[in-house]
């Protein structure tokens, strides 16, 4: 779950990639985003987005 502005999503994705490296996982496709907040109604720090990476074992 990414909580914050969309501009900060790369930091969350980098943390996910670091976790995958530690766990011996490889990305297996593009990441998916599920936007739970409408940025027009809830801008900034409270924006919530589910970020998902398909993975496979190394």
Protein backbone atom coordinates (compact mmCIF):
# COMPACT_ATOMS: atom_id res chain seq x y z
CA UNK A 1 0.00 0.00 0.00
CA UNK A 2 1.43 3.37 -1.01
CA UNK A 3 0.16 6.27 1.07
CA UNK A 4 1.11 9.69 -0.23
CA UNK A 5 1.28 11.69 -3.43
CA UNK A 6 1.68 9.92 -6.76
CA UNK A 7 5.04 11.64 -7.24
CA UNK A 8 6.43 9.59 -4.31
CA UNK A 9 5.41 6.19 -5.76
CA UNK A 10 8.93 5.48 -7.15
CA UNK A 11 10.24 5.37 -3.56
CA UNK A 12 7.66 2.73 -2.64
CA UNK A 13 8.41 0.74 -5.78
CA UNK A 14 12.14 0.84 -4.93
CA UNK A 15 11.38 -0.56 -1.45
CA UNK A 16 9.34 -3.34 -3.07
CA UNK A 17 12.21 -4.16 -5.44
CA UNK A 18 14.68 -4.28 -2.52
CA UNK A 19 12.36 -6.71 -0.71
CA UNK A 20 12.14 -8.89 -3.83
CA UNK A 21 15.94 -9.02 -4.04
CA UNK A 22 16.25 -10.12 -0.40
CA UNK A 23 13.57 -12.79 -0.89
CA UNK A 24 15.07 -14.13 -4.14
CA UNK A 25 12.20 -12.96 -6.34
CA UNK A 26 12.29 -11.51 -9.85
CA UNK A 27 9.76 -9.22 -11.47
CA UNK A 28 7.55 -11.10 -13.89
CA UNK A 29 5.77 -8.31 -15.75
CA UNK A 30 4.75 -4.73 -15.16
CA UNK A 31 3.44 -3.42 -11.86
CA UNK A 32 -0.25 -2.73 -11.38
CA UNK A 33 -1.84 0.19 -9.56
CA UNK A 34 -5.23 0.22 -7.85
CA UNK A 35 -6.16 3.78 -6.92
CA UNK A 36 -8.29 3.86 -3.78
CA UNK A 37 -8.41 7.65 -3.47
CA UNK A 38 -9.66 10.26 -5.88
CA UNK A 39 -6.85 12.86 -6.09
CA UNK A 40 -9.42 15.56 -6.84
CA UNK A 41 -11.10 14.91 -3.48
CA UNK A 42 -8.15 13.70 -1.42
CA UNK A 43 -4.90 15.25 -2.70
CA UNK A 44 -1.47 14.90 -1.19
CA UNK A 45 -0.38 12.89 1.81
CA UNK A 46 -3.61 10.91 2.24
CA UNK A 47 -3.80 9.47 -1.29
CA UNK A 48 -3.88 5.64 -1.13
CA UNK A 49 -2.76 3.34 -3.93
CA UNK A 50 -2.24 -0.42 -3.93
CA UNK A 51 0.93 -1.25 -5.87
CA UNK A 52 1.38 -4.84 -7.07
CA UNK A 53 4.29 -6.54 -8.82
CA UNK A 54 3.89 -9.96 -10.41
CA UNK A 55 6.91 -12.02 -9.27
CA UNK A 56 8.56 -15.39 -9.78
CA UNK A 57 11.27 -17.26 -7.94
CA UNK A 58 14.82 -16.62 -9.15
